[in-house]
PDB file of all heavy atoms in Angstrom:
ATOM      1  N   VAL A   1      12.147-124.407  59.308  1.00  0.00           N
ATOM      2  CA  VAL A   1      12.999-125.574  59.436  1.00  0.00           C
ATOM      3  C   VAL A   1      14.397-125.197  59.888  1.00  0.00           C
ATOM      4  O   VAL A   1      15.030-125.861  60.779  1.00  0.00           O
ATOM      5  CB  VAL A   1      13.112-126.304  58.074  1.00  0.00           C
ATOM      6  CG1 VAL A   1      14.169-127.424  58.086  1.00  0.00           C
ATOM      7  CG2 VAL A   1      11.766-126.883  57.635  1.00  0.00           C
ATOM      8  N   TYR A   2      14.894-124.047  59.488  1.00  0.00           N
ATOM      9  CA  TYR A   2      16.152-123.575  59.932  1.00  0.00           C
ATOM     10  C   TYR A   2      16.144-123.303  61.483  1.00  0.00           C
ATOM     11  O   TYR A   2      17.116-123.724  62.166  1.00  0.00           O
ATOM     12  CB  TYR A   2      16.488-122.221  59.163  1.00  0.00           C
ATOM     13  CG  TYR A   2      17.764-121.577  59.718  1.00  0.00           C
ATOM     14  CD1 TYR A   2      19.012-121.941  59.359  1.00  0.00           C
ATOM     15  CD2 TYR A   2      17.619-120.496  60.539  1.00  0.00           C
ATOM     16  CE1 TYR A   2      20.167-121.278  59.826  1.00  0.00           C
ATOM     17  CE2 TYR A   2      18.726-119.836  61.042  1.00  0.00           C
ATOM     18  CZ  TYR A   2      19.978-120.235  60.744  1.00  0.00           C
ATOM     19  OH  TYR A   2      21.104-119.555  61.178  1.00  0.00           O
ATOM     20  N   LEU A   3      15.056-122.769  61.929  1.00  0.00           N
ATOM     21  CA  LEU A   3      14.906-122.483  63.377  1.00  0.00           C
ATOM     22  C   LEU A   3      14.883-123.782  64.157  1.00  0.00           C
ATOM     23  O   LEU A   3      15.367-123.935  65.248  1.00  0.00           O
ATOM     24  CB  LEU A   3      13.681-121.619  63.617  1.00  0.00           C
ATOM     25  CG  LEU A   3      13.398-121.215  65.049  1.00  0.00           C
ATOM     26  CD1 LEU A   3      14.585-120.495  65.654  1.00  0.00           C
ATOM     27  CD2 LEU A   3      12.111-120.455  65.158  1.00  0.00           C
ATOM     28  N   TYR A   4      14.166-124.757  63.521  1.00  0.00           N
ATOM     29  CA  TYR A   4      14.071-126.165  64.122  1.00  0.00           C
ATOM     30  C   TYR A   4      15.497-126.703  64.414  1.00  0.00           C
ATOM     31  O   TYR A   4      15.750-127.257  65.503  1.00  0.00           O
ATOM     32  CB  TYR A   4      13.240-127.043  63.248  1.00  0.00           C
ATOM     33  CG  TYR A   4      13.133-128.443  63.713  1.00  0.00           C
ATOM     34  CD1 TYR A   4      12.042-128.810  64.485  1.00  0.00           C
ATOM     35  CD2 TYR A   4      14.082-129.437  63.384  1.00  0.00           C
ATOM     36  CE1 TYR A   4      11.909-130.147  64.956  1.00  0.00           C
ATOM     37  CE2 TYR A   4      13.905-130.706  63.844  1.00  0.00           C
ATOM     38  CZ  TYR A   4      12.838-131.044  64.602  1.00  0.00           C
ATOM     39  OH  TYR A   4      12.724-132.345  65.005  1.00  0.00           O
ATOM     40  N   ILE A   5      16.357-126.582  63.377  1.00  0.00           N
ATOM     41  CA  ILE A   5      17.675-127.176  63.485  1.00  0.00           C
ATOM     42  C   ILE A   5      18.487-126.372  64.491  1.00  0.00           C
ATOM     43  O   ILE A   5      19.256-126.960  65.282  1.00  0.00           O
ATOM     44  CB  ILE A   5      18.351-127.050  62.120  1.00  0.00           C
ATOM     45  CG1 ILE A   5      17.654-127.999  61.074  1.00  0.00           C
ATOM     46  CG2 ILE A   5      19.822-127.476  62.177  1.00  0.00           C
ATOM     47  CD1 ILE A   5      18.118-127.894  59.663  1.00  0.00           C
ATOM     48  N   ILE A   6      18.416-125.044  64.475  1.00  0.00           N
ATOM     49  CA  ILE A   6      19.209-124.216  65.422  1.00  0.00           C
ATOM     50  C   ILE A   6      18.735-124.525  66.832  1.00  0.00           C
ATOM     51  O   ILE A   6      19.625-124.694  67.794  1.00  0.00           O
ATOM     52  CB  ILE A   6      18.979-122.714  65.138  1.00  0.00           C
ATOM     53  CG1 ILE A   6      19.562-122.382  63.741  1.00  0.00           C
ATOM     54  CG2 ILE A   6      19.628-121.871  66.233  1.00  0.00           C
ATOM     55  CD1 ILE A   6      21.068-122.617  63.613  1.00  0.00           C
ATOM     56  N   TYR A   7      17.493-124.682  67.087  1.00  0.00           N
ATOM     57  CA  TYR A   7      16.999-124.963  68.456  1.00  0.00           C
ATOM     58  C   TYR A   7      17.501-126.325  68.960  1.00  0.00           C
ATOM     59  O   TYR A   7      17.964-126.469  70.101  1.00  0.00           O
ATOM     60  CB  TYR A   7      15.515-124.891  68.480  1.00  0.00           C
ATOM     61  CG  TYR A   7      14.918-125.231  69.915  1.00  0.00           C
ATOM     62  CD1 TYR A   7      14.874-124.299  70.858  1.00  0.00           C
ATOM     63  CD2 TYR A   7      14.425-126.533  70.180  1.00  0.00           C
ATOM     64  CE1 TYR A   7      14.372-124.604  72.099  1.00  0.00           C
ATOM     65  CE2 TYR A   7      13.918-126.857  71.413  1.00  0.00           C
ATOM     66  CZ  TYR A   7      13.851-125.838  72.354  1.00  0.00           C
ATOM     67  OH  TYR A   7      13.373-126.189  73.602  1.00  0.00           O
ATOM     68  N   ARG A   8      17.506-127.289  68.027  1.00  0.00           N
ATOM     69  CA  ARG A   8      17.989-128.658  68.422  1.00  0.00           C
ATOM     70  C   ARG A   8      19.459-128.605  68.687  1.00  0.00           C
ATOM     71  O   ARG A   8      19.926-129.321  69.582  1.00  0.00           O
ATOM     72  CB  ARG A   8      17.691-129.619  67.263  1.00  0.00           C
ATOM     73  CG  ARG A   8      17.959-131.072  67.652  1.00  0.00           C
ATOM     74  CD  ARG A   8      17.078-131.523  68.795  1.00  0.00           C
ATOM     75  NE  ARG A   8      17.380-132.808  69.265  1.00  0.00           N
ATOM     76  CZ  ARG A   8      18.189-133.032  70.305  1.00  0.00           C
ATOM     77  NH1 ARG A   8      18.740-132.052  71.022  1.00  0.00           N
ATOM     78  NH2 ARG A   8      18.405-134.278  70.768  1.00  0.00           N
ATOM     79  N   LEU A   9      20.255-127.879  67.965  1.00  0.00           N
ATOM     80  CA  LEU A   9      21.675-127.793  68.178  1.00  0.00           C
ATOM     81  C   LEU A   9      22.030-127.037  69.423  1.00  0.00           C
ATOM     82  O   LEU A   9      23.019-127.315  70.102  1.00  0.00           O
ATOM     83  CB  LEU A   9      22.403-127.171  66.940  1.00  0.00           C
ATOM     84  CG  LEU A   9      22.369-127.971  65.606  1.00  0.00           C
ATOM     85  CD1 LEU A   9      22.989-127.171  64.553  1.00  0.00           C
ATOM     86  CD2 LEU A   9      23.038-129.320  65.814  1.00  0.00           C
ATOM     87  N   ASN A  10      21.254-126.025  69.776  1.00  0.00           N
ATOM     88  CA  ASN A  10      21.612-125.101  70.856  1.00  0.00           C
ATOM     89  C   ASN A  10      21.041-125.522  72.152  1.00  0.00           C
ATOM     90  O   ASN A  10      21.570-125.062  73.201  1.00  0.00           O
ATOM     91  CB  ASN A  10      21.152-123.713  70.435  1.00  0.00           C
ATOM     92  CG  ASN A  10      21.567-122.694  71.550  1.00  0.00           C
ATOM     93  OD1 ASN A  10      20.691-122.221  72.317  1.00  0.00           O
ATOM     94  ND2 ASN A  10      22.852-122.379  71.596  1.00  0.00           N
ATOM     95  N   THR A  11      20.035-126.307  72.131  1.00  0.00           N
ATOM     96  CA  THR A  11      19.339-126.607  73.466  1.00  0.00           C
ATOM     97  C   THR A  11      20.303-127.338  74.397  1.00  0.00           C
ATOM     98  O   THR A  11      21.031-128.258  73.926  1.00  0.00           O
ATOM     99  CB  THR A  11      18.044-127.438  73.286  1.00  0.00           C
ATOM    100  OG1 THR A  11      17.455-127.668  74.526  1.00  0.00           O
ATOM    101  CG2 THR A  11      18.368-128.767  72.571  1.00  0.00           C
ATOM    102  N   ARG A  12      20.214-126.968  75.655  1.00  0.00           N
ATOM    103  CA  ARG A  12      21.075-127.692  76.657  1.00  0.00           C
ATOM    104  C   ARG A  12      20.117-128.422  77.636  1.00  0.00           C
ATOM    105  O   ARG A  12      20.605-128.879  78.645  1.00  0.00           O
ATOM    106  CB  ARG A  12      21.872-126.612  77.461  1.00  0.00           C
ATOM    107  CG  ARG A  12      22.909-125.898  76.601  1.00  0.00           C
ATOM    108  CD  ARG A  12      24.014-126.835  76.187  1.00  0.00           C
ATOM    109  NE  ARG A  12      25.123-126.116  75.540  1.00  0.00           N
ATOM    110  CZ  ARG A  12      25.127-126.062  74.161  1.00  0.00           C
ATOM    111  NH1 ARG A  12      24.231-126.664  73.462  1.00  0.00           N
ATOM    112  NH2 ARG A  12      26.165-125.415  73.559  1.00  0.00           N
ATOM    113  N   ASN A  13      18.885-128.491  77.262  1.00  0.00           N
ATOM    114  CA  ASN A  13      17.986-129.171  78.219  1.00  0.00           C
ATOM    115  C   ASN A  13      18.009-130.660  78.009  1.00  0.00           C
ATOM    116  O   ASN A  13      17.909-131.176  76.919  1.00  0.00           O
ATOM    117  CB  ASN A  13      16.561-128.678  77.918  1.00  0.00           C
ATOM    118  CG  ASN A  13      15.550-129.041  78.963  1.00  0.00           C
ATOM    119  OD1 ASN A  13      15.905-129.870  79.828  1.00  0.00           O
ATOM    120  ND2 ASN A  13      14.395-128.424  78.962  1.00  0.00           N
ATOM    121  N   ASN A  14      18.233-131.440  79.094  1.00  0.00           N
ATOM    122  CA  ASN A  14      18.295-132.845  79.066  1.00  0.00           C
ATOM    123  C   ASN A  14      16.896-133.384  78.608  1.00  0.00           C
ATOM    124  O   ASN A  14      16.838-134.517  77.984  1.00  0.00           O
ATOM    125  CB  ASN A  14      18.726-133.483  80.395  1.00  0.00           C
ATOM    126  CG  ASN A  14      20.136-133.147  80.678  1.00  0.00           C
ATOM    127  OD1 ASN A  14      20.972-132.943  79.773  1.00  0.00           O
ATOM    128  ND2 ASN A  14      20.459-132.949  81.998  1.00  0.00           N
ATOM    129  N   PHE A  15      15.857-132.778  78.984  1.00  0.00           N
ATOM    130  CA  PHE A  15      14.492-133.211  78.634  1.00  0.00           C
ATOM    131  C   PHE A  15      14.023-132.426  77.338  1.00  0.00           C
ATOM    132  O   PHE A  15      13.191-131.485  77.461  1.00  0.00           O
ATOM    133  CB  PHE A  15      13.498-132.931  79.837  1.00  0.00           C
ATOM    134  CG  PHE A  15      13.939-133.711  81.026  1.00  0.00           C
ATOM    135  CD1 PHE A  15      14.586-133.068  82.070  1.00  0.00           C
ATOM    136  CD2 PHE A  15      13.627-135.025  81.144  1.00  0.00           C
ATOM    137  CE1 PHE A  15      15.005-133.806  83.182  1.00  0.00           C
ATOM    138  CE2 PHE A  15      13.990-135.704  82.299  1.00  0.00           C
ATOM    139  CZ  PHE A  15      14.640-135.065  83.327  1.00  0.00           C
ATOM    140  N   TYR A  16      14.658-132.757  76.258  1.00  0.00           N
ATOM    141  CA  TYR A  16      14.387-132.077  75.030  1.00  0.00           C
ATOM    142  C   TYR A  16      12.937-132.280  74.559  1.00  0.00           C
ATOM    143  O   TYR A  16      12.450-133.424  74.485  1.00  0.00           O
ATOM    144  CB  TYR A  16      15.329-132.557  73.901  1.00  0.00           C
ATOM    145  CG  TYR A  16      14.996-132.212  72.499  1.00  0.00           C
ATOM    146  CD1 TYR A  16      15.086-130.848  72.077  1.00  0.00           C
ATOM    147  CD2 TYR A  16      14.552-133.127  71.596  1.00  0.00           C
ATOM    148  CE1 TYR A  16      14.778-130.513  70.819  1.00  0.00           C
ATOM    149  CE2 TYR A  16      14.185-132.801  70.290  1.00  0.00           C
ATOM    150  CZ  TYR A  16      14.315-131.459  69.905  1.00  0.00           C
ATOM    151  OH  TYR A  16      13.997-131.079  68.655  1.00  0.00           O
ATOM    152  N   ASN A  17      12.171-131.229  74.353  1.00  0.00           N
ATOM    153  CA  ASN A  17      10.787-131.283  73.967  1.00  0.00           C
ATOM    154  C   ASN A  17      10.667-131.117  72.462  1.00  0.00           C
ATOM    155  O   ASN A  17      10.771-130.043  71.856  1.00  0.00           O
ATOM    156  CB  ASN A  17      10.069-130.114  74.645  1.00  0.00           C
ATOM    157  CG  ASN A  17       8.531-130.297  74.496  1.00  0.00           C
ATOM    158  OD1 ASN A  17       8.053-130.987  73.690  1.00  0.00           O
ATOM    159  ND2 ASN A  17       7.822-129.623  75.412  1.00  0.00           N
ATOM    160  N   ARG A  18      10.525-132.294  71.791  1.00  0.00           N
ATOM    161  CA  ARG A  18      10.410-132.289  70.347  1.00  0.00           C
ATOM    162  C   ARG A  18       9.156-131.590  69.863  1.00  0.00           C
ATOM    163  O   ARG A  18       9.098-130.966  68.827  1.00  0.00           O
ATOM    164  CB  ARG A  18      10.476-133.758  69.821  1.00  0.00           C
ATOM    165  CG  ARG A  18      10.554-133.836  68.339  1.00  0.00           C
ATOM    166  CD  ARG A  18      10.576-135.286  67.866  1.00  0.00           C
ATOM    167  NE  ARG A  18      10.621-135.362  66.425  1.00  0.00           N
ATOM    168  CZ  ARG A  18      10.529-136.486  65.739  1.00  0.00           C
ATOM    169  NH1 ARG A  18      10.438-137.607  66.376  1.00  0.00           N
ATOM    170  NH2 ARG A  18      10.639-136.451  64.409  1.00  0.00           N
ATOM    171  N   SER A  19       8.063-131.809  70.610  1.00  0.00           N
ATOM    172  CA  SER A  19       6.806-131.187  70.244  1.00  0.00           C
ATOM    173  C   SER A  19       6.907-129.685  70.223  1.00  0.00           C
ATOM    174  O   SER A  19       6.407-128.958  69.260  1.00  0.00           O
ATOM    175  CB  SER A  19       5.655-131.568  71.244  1.00  0.00           C
ATOM    176  OG  SER A  19       5.493-132.989  71.160  1.00  0.00           O
ATOM    177  N   PHE A  20       7.620-129.107  71.156  1.00  0.00           N
ATOM    178  CA  PHE A  20       7.848-127.660  71.206  1.00  0.00           C
ATOM    179  C   PHE A  20       8.687-127.214  69.985  1.00  0.00           C
ATOM    180  O   PHE A  20       8.396-126.170  69.329  1.00  0.00           O
ATOM    181  CB  PHE A  20       8.490-127.249  72.510  1.00  0.00           C
ATOM    182  CG  PHE A  20       8.803-125.758  72.620  1.00  0.00           C
ATOM    183  CD1 PHE A  20       7.798-124.862  72.851  1.00  0.00           C
ATOM    184  CD2 PHE A  20      10.096-125.295  72.281  1.00  0.00           C
ATOM    185  CE1 PHE A  20       8.147-123.451  72.997  1.00  0.00           C
ATOM    186  CE2 PHE A  20      10.390-123.965  72.390  1.00  0.00           C
ATOM    187  CZ  PHE A  20       9.402-123.009  72.733  1.00  0.00           C
ATOM    188  N   ASN A  21       9.645-127.986  69.643  1.00  0.00           N
ATOM    189  CA  ASN A  21      10.558-127.591  68.565  1.00  0.00           C
ATOM    190  C   ASN A  21       9.772-127.757  67.205  1.00  0.00           C
ATOM    191  O   ASN A  21       9.956-126.865  66.328  1.00  0.00           O
ATOM    192  CB  ASN A  21      11.695-128.567  68.547  1.00  0.00           C
ATOM    193  CG  ASN A  21      12.885-128.003  67.650  1.00  0.00           C
ATOM    194  OD1 ASN A  21      12.815-126.867  67.245  1.00  0.00           O
ATOM    195  ND2 ASN A  21      13.881-128.828  67.469  1.00  0.00           N
ATOM    196  N   LYS A  22       8.857-128.681  67.079  1.00  0.00           N
ATOM    197  CA  LYS A  22       8.049-128.733  65.900  1.00  0.00           C
ATOM    198  C   LYS A  22       7.133-127.553  65.742  1.00  0.00           C
ATOM    199  O   LYS A  22       6.888-127.107  64.686  1.00  0.00           O
ATOM    200  CB  LYS A  22       7.276-130.114  65.857  1.00  0.00           C
ATOM    201  CG  LYS A  22       8.107-131.314  65.640  1.00  0.00           C
ATOM    202  CD  LYS A  22       7.294-132.615  65.377  1.00  0.00           C
ATOM    203  CE  LYS A  22       6.441-132.948  66.563  1.00  0.00           C
ATOM    204  NZ  LYS A  22       5.728-134.212  66.332  1.00  0.00           N
ATOM    205  N   SER A  23       6.616-127.117  66.915  1.00  0.00           N
ATOM    206  CA  SER A  23       5.753-125.941  66.911  1.00  0.00           C
ATOM    207  C   SER A  23       6.509-124.683  66.444  1.00  0.00           C
ATOM    208  O   SER A  23       5.960-123.869  65.759  1.00  0.00           O
ATOM    209  CB  SER A  23       5.243-125.629  68.363  1.00  0.00           C
ATOM    210  OG  SER A  23       4.468-126.746  68.796  1.00  0.00           O
ATOM    211  N   LEU A  24       7.797-124.617  66.807  1.00  0.00           N
ATOM    212  CA  LEU A  24       8.661-123.494  66.375  1.00  0.00           C
ATOM    213  C   LEU A  24       8.720-123.446  64.817  1.00  0.00           C
ATOM    214  O   LEU A  24       8.789-122.440  64.231  1.00  0.00           O
ATOM    215  CB  LEU A  24      10.017-123.568  66.983  1.00  0.00           C
ATOM    216  CG  LEU A  24      10.139-123.393  68.520  1.00  0.00           C
ATOM    217  CD1 LEU A  24      11.588-123.526  68.912  1.00  0.00           C
ATOM    218  CD2 LEU A  24       9.594-121.981  68.879  1.00  0.00           C
TER     219      LEU A  24
END
């Protein structure tokens, strides 16, 4: 869950892939 939050805060991609983040 911590990694999920960090990826969401750090990503600079306009096409944010939520499925990939959930996999992380």
